[in-house]
mmCIF file of all heavy atoms, coordinates in Angstrom:
data_MODEL
# 
_entry.id   MODEL 
# 
loop_
_atom_site.group_PDB 
_atom_site.id 
_atom_site.type_symbol 
_atom_site.label_atom_id 
_atom_site.label_alt_id 
_atom_site.label_comp_id 
_atom_site.label_asym_id 
_atom_site.label_entity_id 
_atom_site.label_seq_id 
_atom_site.pdbx_PDB_ins_code 
_atom_site.Cartn_x 
_atom_site.Cartn_y 
_atom_site.Cartn_z 
_atom_site.occupancy 
_atom_site.B_iso_or_equiv 
_atom_site.pdbx_formal_charge 
_atom_site.auth_seq_id 
_atom_site.auth_comp_id 
_atom_site.auth_asym_id 
_atom_site.auth_atom_id 
_atom_site.pdbx_PDB_model_num 
ATOM 1   N N   . GLU A 1 1  ? 2.554  1.045   -11.983 1.00 0.00 ? 1  GLU A N   1 
ATOM 2   C CA  . GLU A 1 1  ? 1.356  0.478   -12.688 1.00 0.00 ? 1  GLU A CA  1 
ATOM 3   C C   . GLU A 1 1  ? 0.102  1.362   -12.706 1.00 0.00 ? 1  GLU A C   1 
ATOM 4   O O   . GLU A 1 1  ? -0.540 1.581   -13.675 1.00 0.00 ? 1  GLU A O   1 
ATOM 5   C CB  . GLU A 1 1  ? 0.972  -0.813  -12.003 1.00 0.00 ? 1  GLU A CB  1 
ATOM 6   C CG  . GLU A 1 1  ? 2.059  -1.895  -12.100 1.00 0.00 ? 1  GLU A CG  1 
ATOM 7   C CD  . GLU A 1 1  ? 1.783  -3.060  -11.156 1.00 0.00 ? 1  GLU A CD  1 
ATOM 8   O OE1 . GLU A 1 1  ? 0.549  -3.138  -10.596 1.00 0.00 ? 1  GLU A OE1 1 
ATOM 9   O OE2 . GLU A 1 1  ? 2.625  -3.961  -11.001 1.00 0.00 ? 1  GLU A OE2 1 
ATOM 10  N N   . LEU A 1 2  ? -0.117 2.039   -11.524 1.00 0.00 ? 2  LEU A N   1 
ATOM 11  C CA  . LEU A 1 2  ? -1.341 2.802   -11.359 1.00 0.00 ? 2  LEU A CA  1 
ATOM 12  C C   . LEU A 1 2  ? -1.125 4.282   -11.428 1.00 0.00 ? 2  LEU A C   1 
ATOM 13  O O   . LEU A 1 2  ? -2.174 5.025   -11.566 1.00 0.00 ? 2  LEU A O   1 
ATOM 14  C CB  . LEU A 1 2  ? -2.052 2.446   -10.065 1.00 0.00 ? 2  LEU A CB  1 
ATOM 15  C CG  . LEU A 1 2  ? -2.284 0.971   -9.773  1.00 0.00 ? 2  LEU A CG  1 
ATOM 16  C CD1 . LEU A 1 2  ? -2.767 0.773   -8.330  1.00 0.00 ? 2  LEU A CD1 1 
ATOM 17  C CD2 . LEU A 1 2  ? -3.157 0.390   -10.747 1.00 0.00 ? 2  LEU A CD2 1 
ATOM 18  N N   . GLY A 1 3  ? 0.070  4.709   -11.180 1.00 0.00 ? 3  GLY A N   1 
ATOM 19  C CA  . GLY A 1 3  ? 0.331  6.197   -10.961 1.00 0.00 ? 3  GLY A CA  1 
ATOM 20  C C   . GLY A 1 3  ? 0.443  6.421   -9.484  1.00 0.00 ? 3  GLY A C   1 
ATOM 21  O O   . GLY A 1 3  ? -0.248 5.841   -8.653  1.00 0.00 ? 3  GLY A O   1 
ATOM 22  N N   . LEU A 1 4  ? 1.232  7.460   -9.123  1.00 0.00 ? 4  LEU A N   1 
ATOM 23  C CA  . LEU A 1 4  ? 1.398  7.687   -7.689  1.00 0.00 ? 4  LEU A CA  1 
ATOM 24  C C   . LEU A 1 4  ? 0.128  8.217   -7.026  1.00 0.00 ? 4  LEU A C   1 
ATOM 25  O O   . LEU A 1 4  ? -0.211 7.775   -5.891  1.00 0.00 ? 4  LEU A O   1 
ATOM 26  C CB  . LEU A 1 4  ? 2.471  8.758   -7.539  1.00 0.00 ? 4  LEU A CB  1 
ATOM 27  C CG  . LEU A 1 4  ? 2.859  9.166   -6.062  1.00 0.00 ? 4  LEU A CG  1 
ATOM 28  C CD1 . LEU A 1 4  ? 3.476  8.003   -5.400  1.00 0.00 ? 4  LEU A CD1 1 
ATOM 29  C CD2 . LEU A 1 4  ? 3.756  10.403  -6.036  1.00 0.00 ? 4  LEU A CD2 1 
ATOM 30  N N   . ALA A 1 5  ? -0.703 9.057   -7.665  1.00 0.00 ? 5  ALA A N   1 
ATOM 31  C CA  . ALA A 1 5  ? -1.967 9.467   -7.077  1.00 0.00 ? 5  ALA A CA  1 
ATOM 32  C C   . ALA A 1 5  ? -2.931 8.437   -6.736  1.00 0.00 ? 5  ALA A C   1 
ATOM 33  O O   . ALA A 1 5  ? -3.650 8.478   -5.758  1.00 0.00 ? 5  ALA A O   1 
ATOM 34  C CB  . ALA A 1 5  ? -2.582 10.507  -7.960  1.00 0.00 ? 5  ALA A CB  1 
ATOM 35  N N   . GLU A 1 6  ? -2.978 7.395   -7.600  1.00 0.00 ? 6  GLU A N   1 
ATOM 36  C CA  . GLU A 1 6  ? -3.908 6.229   -7.400  1.00 0.00 ? 6  GLU A CA  1 
ATOM 37  C C   . GLU A 1 6  ? -3.399 5.175   -6.486  1.00 0.00 ? 6  GLU A C   1 
ATOM 38  O O   . GLU A 1 6  ? -4.092 4.251   -6.105  1.00 0.00 ? 6  GLU A O   1 
ATOM 39  C CB  . GLU A 1 6  ? -4.271 5.632   -8.704  1.00 0.00 ? 6  GLU A CB  1 
ATOM 40  C CG  . GLU A 1 6  ? -4.901 6.580   -9.802  1.00 0.00 ? 6  GLU A CG  1 
ATOM 41  C CD  . GLU A 1 6  ? -6.132 7.299   -9.250  1.00 0.00 ? 6  GLU A CD  1 
ATOM 42  O OE1 . GLU A 1 6  ? -6.980 6.515   -8.564  1.00 0.00 ? 6  GLU A OE1 1 
ATOM 43  O OE2 . GLU A 1 6  ? -6.329 8.412   -9.429  1.00 0.00 ? 6  GLU A OE2 1 
ATOM 44  N N   . THR A 1 7  ? -2.124 5.224   -6.080  1.00 0.00 ? 7  THR A N   1 
ATOM 45  C CA  . THR A 1 7  ? -1.536 4.315   -5.241  1.00 0.00 ? 7  THR A CA  1 
ATOM 46  C C   . THR A 1 7  ? -1.855 4.636   -3.703  1.00 0.00 ? 7  THR A C   1 
ATOM 47  O O   . THR A 1 7  ? -1.712 5.822   -3.304  1.00 0.00 ? 7  THR A O   1 
ATOM 48  C CB  . THR A 1 7  ? -0.048 4.196   -5.370  1.00 0.00 ? 7  THR A CB  1 
ATOM 49  O OG1 . THR A 1 7  ? 0.260  3.816   -6.779  1.00 0.00 ? 7  THR A OG1 1 
ATOM 50  C CG2 . THR A 1 7  ? 0.611  3.264   -4.428  1.00 0.00 ? 7  THR A CG2 1 
ATOM 51  N N   . THR A 1 8  ? -2.396 3.644   -2.999  1.00 0.00 ? 8  THR A N   1 
ATOM 52  C CA  . THR A 1 8  ? -2.736 3.906   -1.580  1.00 0.00 ? 8  THR A CA  1 
ATOM 53  C C   . THR A 1 8  ? -1.879 3.086   -0.621  1.00 0.00 ? 8  THR A C   1 
ATOM 54  O O   . THR A 1 8  ? -1.248 2.057   -1.051  1.00 0.00 ? 8  THR A O   1 
ATOM 55  C CB  . THR A 1 8  ? -4.159 3.525   -1.324  1.00 0.00 ? 8  THR A CB  1 
ATOM 56  O OG1 . THR A 1 8  ? -4.349 2.166   -1.572  1.00 0.00 ? 8  THR A OG1 1 
ATOM 57  C CG2 . THR A 1 8  ? -5.113 4.337   -2.213  1.00 0.00 ? 8  THR A CG2 1 
ATOM 58  N N   . VAL A 1 9  ? -1.823 3.556   0.635   1.00 0.00 ? 9  VAL A N   1 
ATOM 59  C CA  . VAL A 1 9  ? -1.091 2.832   1.621   1.00 0.00 ? 9  VAL A CA  1 
ATOM 60  C C   . VAL A 1 9  ? -1.706 1.369   1.836   1.00 0.00 ? 9  VAL A C   1 
ATOM 61  O O   . VAL A 1 9  ? -1.026 0.381   2.012   1.00 0.00 ? 9  VAL A O   1 
ATOM 62  C CB  . VAL A 1 9  ? -1.066 3.501   2.979   1.00 0.00 ? 9  VAL A CB  1 
ATOM 63  C CG1 . VAL A 1 9  ? -0.613 2.679   4.064   1.00 0.00 ? 9  VAL A CG1 1 
ATOM 64  C CG2 . VAL A 1 9  ? -0.303 4.833   2.831   1.00 0.00 ? 9  VAL A CG2 1 
ATOM 65  N N   . GLU A 1 10 ? -3.029 1.355   1.757   1.00 0.00 ? 10 GLU A N   1 
ATOM 66  C CA  . GLU A 1 10 ? -3.722 0.003   1.872   1.00 0.00 ? 10 GLU A CA  1 
ATOM 67  C C   . GLU A 1 10 ? -3.343 -1.002  0.748   1.00 0.00 ? 10 GLU A C   1 
ATOM 68  O O   . GLU A 1 10 ? -3.040 -2.130  1.011   1.00 0.00 ? 10 GLU A O   1 
ATOM 69  C CB  . GLU A 1 10 ? -5.230 0.232   1.870   1.00 0.00 ? 10 GLU A CB  1 
ATOM 70  C CG  . GLU A 1 10 ? -5.820 0.956   3.110   1.00 0.00 ? 10 GLU A CG  1 
ATOM 71  C CD  . GLU A 1 10 ? -5.475 2.477   3.065   1.00 0.00 ? 10 GLU A CD  1 
ATOM 72  O OE1 . GLU A 1 10 ? -5.208 3.033   2.015   1.00 0.00 ? 10 GLU A OE1 1 
ATOM 73  O OE2 . GLU A 1 10 ? -5.584 3.093   4.259   1.00 0.00 ? 10 GLU A OE2 1 
ATOM 74  N N   . ALA A 1 11 ? -3.198 -0.407  -0.524  1.00 0.00 ? 11 ALA A N   1 
ATOM 75  C CA  . ALA A 1 11 ? -2.866 -1.337  -1.617  1.00 0.00 ? 11 ALA A CA  1 
ATOM 76  C C   . ALA A 1 11 ? -1.344 -1.695  -1.454  1.00 0.00 ? 11 ALA A C   1 
ATOM 77  O O   . ALA A 1 11 ? -1.123 -2.893  -1.753  1.00 0.00 ? 11 ALA A O   1 
ATOM 78  C CB  . ALA A 1 11 ? -3.056 -0.556  -2.969  1.00 0.00 ? 11 ALA A CB  1 
ATOM 79  N N   . ILE A 1 12 ? -0.543 -0.840  -1.081  1.00 0.00 ? 12 ILE A N   1 
ATOM 80  C CA  . ILE A 1 12 ? 0.882  -1.188  -0.879  1.00 0.00 ? 12 ILE A CA  1 
ATOM 81  C C   . ILE A 1 12 ? 1.057  -2.270  0.203   1.00 0.00 ? 12 ILE A C   1 
ATOM 82  O O   . ILE A 1 12 ? 1.728  -3.308  0.046   1.00 0.00 ? 12 ILE A O   1 
ATOM 83  C CB  . ILE A 1 12 ? 1.722  0.078   -0.452  1.00 0.00 ? 12 ILE A CB  1 
ATOM 84  C CG1 . ILE A 1 12 ? 1.757  1.066   -1.616  1.00 0.00 ? 12 ILE A CG1 1 
ATOM 85  C CG2 . ILE A 1 12 ? 3.122  -0.342  -0.072  1.00 0.00 ? 12 ILE A CG2 1 
ATOM 86  C CD1 . ILE A 1 12 ? 2.290  2.410   -1.214  1.00 0.00 ? 12 ILE A CD1 1 
ATOM 87  N N   . SER A 1 13 ? 0.326  -2.037  1.304   1.00 0.00 ? 13 SER A N   1 
ATOM 88  C CA  . SER A 1 13 ? 0.361  -3.046  2.455   1.00 0.00 ? 13 SER A CA  1 
ATOM 89  C C   . SER A 1 13 ? -0.163 -4.339  2.029   1.00 0.00 ? 13 SER A C   1 
ATOM 90  O O   . SER A 1 13 ? 0.476  -5.416  2.359   1.00 0.00 ? 13 SER A O   1 
ATOM 91  C CB  . SER A 1 13 ? -0.419 -2.474  3.614   1.00 0.00 ? 13 SER A CB  1 
ATOM 92  O OG  . SER A 1 13 ? 0.075  -1.227  4.147   1.00 0.00 ? 13 SER A OG  1 
ATOM 93  N N   . ALA A 1 14 ? -1.219 -4.433  1.229   1.00 0.00 ? 14 ALA A N   1 
ATOM 94  C CA  . ALA A 1 14 ? -1.736 -5.683  0.817   1.00 0.00 ? 14 ALA A CA  1 
ATOM 95  C C   . ALA A 1 14 ? -0.836 -6.364  -0.111  1.00 0.00 ? 14 ALA A C   1 
ATOM 96  O O   . ALA A 1 14 ? -0.563 -7.655  0.106   1.00 0.00 ? 14 ALA A O   1 
ATOM 97  C CB  . ALA A 1 14 ? -3.089 -5.539  0.106   1.00 0.00 ? 14 ALA A CB  1 
ATOM 98  N N   . ARG A 1 15 ? -0.171 -5.714  -1.045  1.00 0.00 ? 15 ARG A N   1 
ATOM 99  C CA  . ARG A 1 15 ? 0.832  -6.319  -1.942  1.00 0.00 ? 15 ARG A CA  1 
ATOM 100 C C   . ARG A 1 15 ? 1.977  -6.841  -1.049  1.00 0.00 ? 15 ARG A C   1 
ATOM 101 O O   . ARG A 1 15 ? 2.587  -7.866  -1.498  1.00 0.00 ? 15 ARG A O   1 
ATOM 102 C CB  . ARG A 1 15 ? 1.143  -5.427  -3.080  1.00 0.00 ? 15 ARG A CB  1 
ATOM 103 C CG  . ARG A 1 15 ? 2.083  -6.120  -4.038  1.00 0.00 ? 15 ARG A CG  1 
ATOM 104 C CD  . ARG A 1 15 ? 2.334  -5.418  -5.335  1.00 0.00 ? 15 ARG A CD  1 
ATOM 105 N NE  . ARG A 1 15 ? 1.108  -5.317  -6.157  1.00 0.00 ? 15 ARG A NE  1 
ATOM 106 C CZ  . ARG A 1 15 ? 1.125  -5.014  -7.483  1.00 0.00 ? 15 ARG A CZ  1 
ATOM 107 N NH1 . ARG A 1 15 ? 2.349  -4.745  -8.039  1.00 0.00 ? 15 ARG A NH1 1 
ATOM 108 N NH2 . ARG A 1 15 ? 0.055  -5.035  -8.235  1.00 0.00 ? 15 ARG A NH2 1 
ATOM 109 N N   . ALA A 1 16 ? 2.489  -6.014  -0.256  1.00 0.00 ? 16 ALA A N   1 
ATOM 110 C CA  . ALA A 1 16 ? 3.666  -6.428  0.526   1.00 0.00 ? 16 ALA A CA  1 
ATOM 111 C C   . ALA A 1 16 ? 3.298  -7.405  1.609   1.00 0.00 ? 16 ALA A C   1 
ATOM 112 O O   . ALA A 1 16 ? 4.235  -7.877  2.270   1.00 0.00 ? 16 ALA A O   1 
ATOM 113 C CB  . ALA A 1 16 ? 4.290  -5.173  1.218   1.00 0.00 ? 16 ALA A CB  1 
ATOM 114 N N   . ASP A 1 17 ? 1.991  -7.764  1.796   1.00 0.00 ? 17 ASP A N   1 
ATOM 115 C CA  . ASP A 1 17 ? 1.547  -8.823  2.828   1.00 0.00 ? 17 ASP A CA  1 
ATOM 116 C C   . ASP A 1 17 ? 1.887  -8.325  4.232   1.00 0.00 ? 17 ASP A C   1 
ATOM 117 O O   . ASP A 1 17 ? 2.408  -9.085  5.071   1.00 0.00 ? 17 ASP A O   1 
ATOM 118 C CB  . ASP A 1 17 ? 2.218  -10.173 2.540   1.00 0.00 ? 17 ASP A CB  1 
ATOM 119 C CG  . ASP A 1 17 ? 1.431  -11.190 3.278   1.00 0.00 ? 17 ASP A CG  1 
ATOM 120 O OD1 . ASP A 1 17 ? 0.314  -11.084 3.622   1.00 0.00 ? 17 ASP A OD1 1 
ATOM 121 O OD2 . ASP A 1 17 ? 2.094  -12.229 3.532   1.00 0.00 ? 17 ASP A OD2 1 
ATOM 122 N N   . VAL A 1 18 ? 1.652  -6.979  4.460   1.00 0.00 ? 18 VAL A N   1 
ATOM 123 C CA  . VAL A 1 18 ? 1.777  -6.479  5.827   1.00 0.00 ? 18 VAL A CA  1 
ATOM 124 C C   . VAL A 1 18 ? 0.551  -5.689  6.179   1.00 0.00 ? 18 VAL A C   1 
ATOM 125 O O   . VAL A 1 18 ? -0.243 -5.363  5.331   1.00 0.00 ? 18 VAL A O   1 
ATOM 126 C CB  . VAL A 1 18 ? 3.015  -5.546  5.971   1.00 0.00 ? 18 VAL A CB  1 
ATOM 127 C CG1 . VAL A 1 18 ? 4.315  -6.294  5.671   1.00 0.00 ? 18 VAL A CG1 1 
ATOM 128 C CG2 . VAL A 1 18 ? 2.876  -4.286  5.070   1.00 0.00 ? 18 VAL A CG2 1 
ATOM 129 N N   . THR A 1 19 ? 0.429  -5.313  7.417   1.00 0.00 ? 19 THR A N   1 
ATOM 130 C CA  . THR A 1 19 ? -0.690 -4.506  7.881   1.00 0.00 ? 19 THR A CA  1 
ATOM 131 C C   . THR A 1 19 ? -0.388 -2.983  7.637   1.00 0.00 ? 19 THR A C   1 
ATOM 132 O O   . THR A 1 19 ? 0.801  -2.662  7.476   1.00 0.00 ? 19 THR A O   1 
ATOM 133 C CB  . THR A 1 19 ? -1.081 -4.731  9.355   1.00 0.00 ? 19 THR A CB  1 
ATOM 134 O OG1 . THR A 1 19 ? 0.062  -4.220  10.132  1.00 0.00 ? 19 THR A OG1 1 
ATOM 135 C CG2 . THR A 1 19 ? -1.339 -6.199  9.656   1.00 0.00 ? 19 THR A CG2 1 
ATOM 136 N N   . SER A 1 20 ? -1.389 -2.191  7.586   1.00 0.00 ? 20 SER A N   1 
ATOM 137 C CA  . SER A 1 20 ? -1.166 -0.724  7.485   1.00 0.00 ? 20 SER A CA  1 
ATOM 138 C C   . SER A 1 20 ? -0.371 -0.249  8.680   1.00 0.00 ? 20 SER A C   1 
ATOM 139 O O   . SER A 1 20 ? 0.424  0.652   8.495   1.00 0.00 ? 20 SER A O   1 
ATOM 140 C CB  . SER A 1 20 ? -2.531 0.010   7.333   1.00 0.00 ? 20 SER A CB  1 
ATOM 141 O OG  . SER A 1 20 ? -3.208 -0.319  6.117   1.00 0.00 ? 20 SER A OG  1 
ATOM 142 N N   . ARG A 1 21 ? -0.653 -0.855  9.879   1.00 0.00 ? 21 ARG A N   1 
ATOM 143 C CA  . ARG A 1 21 ? 0.141  -0.433  10.956  1.00 0.00 ? 21 ARG A CA  1 
ATOM 144 C C   . ARG A 1 21 ? 1.624  -0.695  10.839  1.00 0.00 ? 21 ARG A C   1 
ATOM 145 O O   . ARG A 1 21 ? 2.445  0.130   11.142  1.00 0.00 ? 21 ARG A O   1 
ATOM 146 C CB  . ARG A 1 21 ? -0.398 -1.102  12.288  1.00 0.00 ? 21 ARG A CB  1 
ATOM 147 C CG  . ARG A 1 21 ? 0.289  -0.769  13.489  1.00 0.00 ? 21 ARG A CG  1 
ATOM 148 C CD  . ARG A 1 21 ? -0.263 -1.545  14.699  1.00 0.00 ? 21 ARG A CD  1 
ATOM 149 N NE  . ARG A 1 21 ? 0.411  -1.170  15.977  1.00 0.00 ? 21 ARG A NE  1 
ATOM 150 C CZ  . ARG A 1 21 ? 0.135  -1.649  17.064  1.00 0.00 ? 21 ARG A CZ  1 
ATOM 151 N NH1 . ARG A 1 21 ? -0.936 -2.497  17.260  1.00 0.00 ? 21 ARG A NH1 1 
ATOM 152 N NH2 . ARG A 1 21 ? 0.863  -1.294  18.222  1.00 0.00 ? 21 ARG A NH2 1 
ATOM 153 N N   . THR A 1 22 ? 1.920  -1.884  10.219  1.00 0.00 ? 22 THR A N   1 
ATOM 154 C CA  . THR A 1 22 ? 3.302  -2.227  10.000  1.00 0.00 ? 22 THR A CA  1 
ATOM 155 C C   . THR A 1 22 ? 3.929  -1.224  8.998   1.00 0.00 ? 22 THR A C   1 
ATOM 156 O O   . THR A 1 22 ? 5.054  -0.752  9.135   1.00 0.00 ? 22 THR A O   1 
ATOM 157 C CB  . THR A 1 22 ? 3.481  -3.596  9.474   1.00 0.00 ? 22 THR A CB  1 
ATOM 158 O OG1 . THR A 1 22 ? 3.026  -4.522  10.557  1.00 0.00 ? 22 THR A OG1 1 
ATOM 159 C CG2 . THR A 1 22 ? 4.906  -3.968  9.148   1.00 0.00 ? 22 THR A CG2 1 
ATOM 160 N N   . PHE A 1 23 ? 3.116  -0.855  7.984   1.00 0.00 ? 23 PHE A N   1 
ATOM 161 C CA  . PHE A 1 23 ? 3.606  0.135   6.979   1.00 0.00 ? 23 PHE A CA  1 
ATOM 162 C C   . PHE A 1 23 ? 3.997  1.310   7.643   1.00 0.00 ? 23 PHE A C   1 
ATOM 163 O O   . PHE A 1 23 ? 5.137  1.839   7.447   1.00 0.00 ? 23 PHE A O   1 
ATOM 164 C CB  . PHE A 1 23 ? 2.457  0.372   5.970   1.00 0.00 ? 23 PHE A CB  1 
ATOM 165 C CG  . PHE A 1 23 ? 2.812  1.477   5.022   1.00 0.00 ? 23 PHE A CG  1 
ATOM 166 C CD1 . PHE A 1 23 ? 3.361  1.095   3.753   1.00 0.00 ? 23 PHE A CD1 1 
ATOM 167 C CD2 . PHE A 1 23 ? 2.695  2.810   5.331   1.00 0.00 ? 23 PHE A CD2 1 
ATOM 168 C CE1 . PHE A 1 23 ? 3.796  2.066   2.867   1.00 0.00 ? 23 PHE A CE1 1 
ATOM 169 C CE2 . PHE A 1 23 ? 3.033  3.856   4.412   1.00 0.00 ? 23 PHE A CE2 1 
ATOM 170 C CZ  . PHE A 1 23 ? 3.614  3.485   3.207   1.00 0.00 ? 23 PHE A CZ  1 
ATOM 171 N N   . PHE A 1 24 ? 3.180  1.882   8.545   1.00 0.00 ? 24 PHE A N   1 
ATOM 172 C CA  . PHE A 1 24 ? 3.560  3.143   9.187   1.00 0.00 ? 24 PHE A CA  1 
ATOM 173 C C   . PHE A 1 24 ? 4.676  3.066   10.172  1.00 0.00 ? 24 PHE A C   1 
ATOM 174 O O   . PHE A 1 24 ? 5.320  4.063   10.589  1.00 0.00 ? 24 PHE A O   1 
ATOM 175 C CB  . PHE A 1 24 ? 2.283  3.806   9.748   1.00 0.00 ? 24 PHE A CB  1 
ATOM 176 C CG  . PHE A 1 24 ? 1.433  4.384   8.722   1.00 0.00 ? 24 PHE A CG  1 
ATOM 177 C CD1 . PHE A 1 24 ? 0.130  3.875   8.534   1.00 0.00 ? 24 PHE A CD1 1 
ATOM 178 C CD2 . PHE A 1 24 ? 1.801  5.500   7.974   1.00 0.00 ? 24 PHE A CD2 1 
ATOM 179 C CE1 . PHE A 1 24 ? -0.687 4.358   7.513   1.00 0.00 ? 24 PHE A CE1 1 
ATOM 180 C CE2 . PHE A 1 24 ? 0.936  6.106   7.007   1.00 0.00 ? 24 PHE A CE2 1 
ATOM 181 C CZ  . PHE A 1 24 ? -0.295 5.482   6.786   1.00 0.00 ? 24 PHE A CZ  1 
# 
């Protein structure tokens, strides 16, 4: 949707309903 460069870990975590710590 946004492009890889504009995609952030924070946005991914929010959409997946997890914390950034869980992401990593």
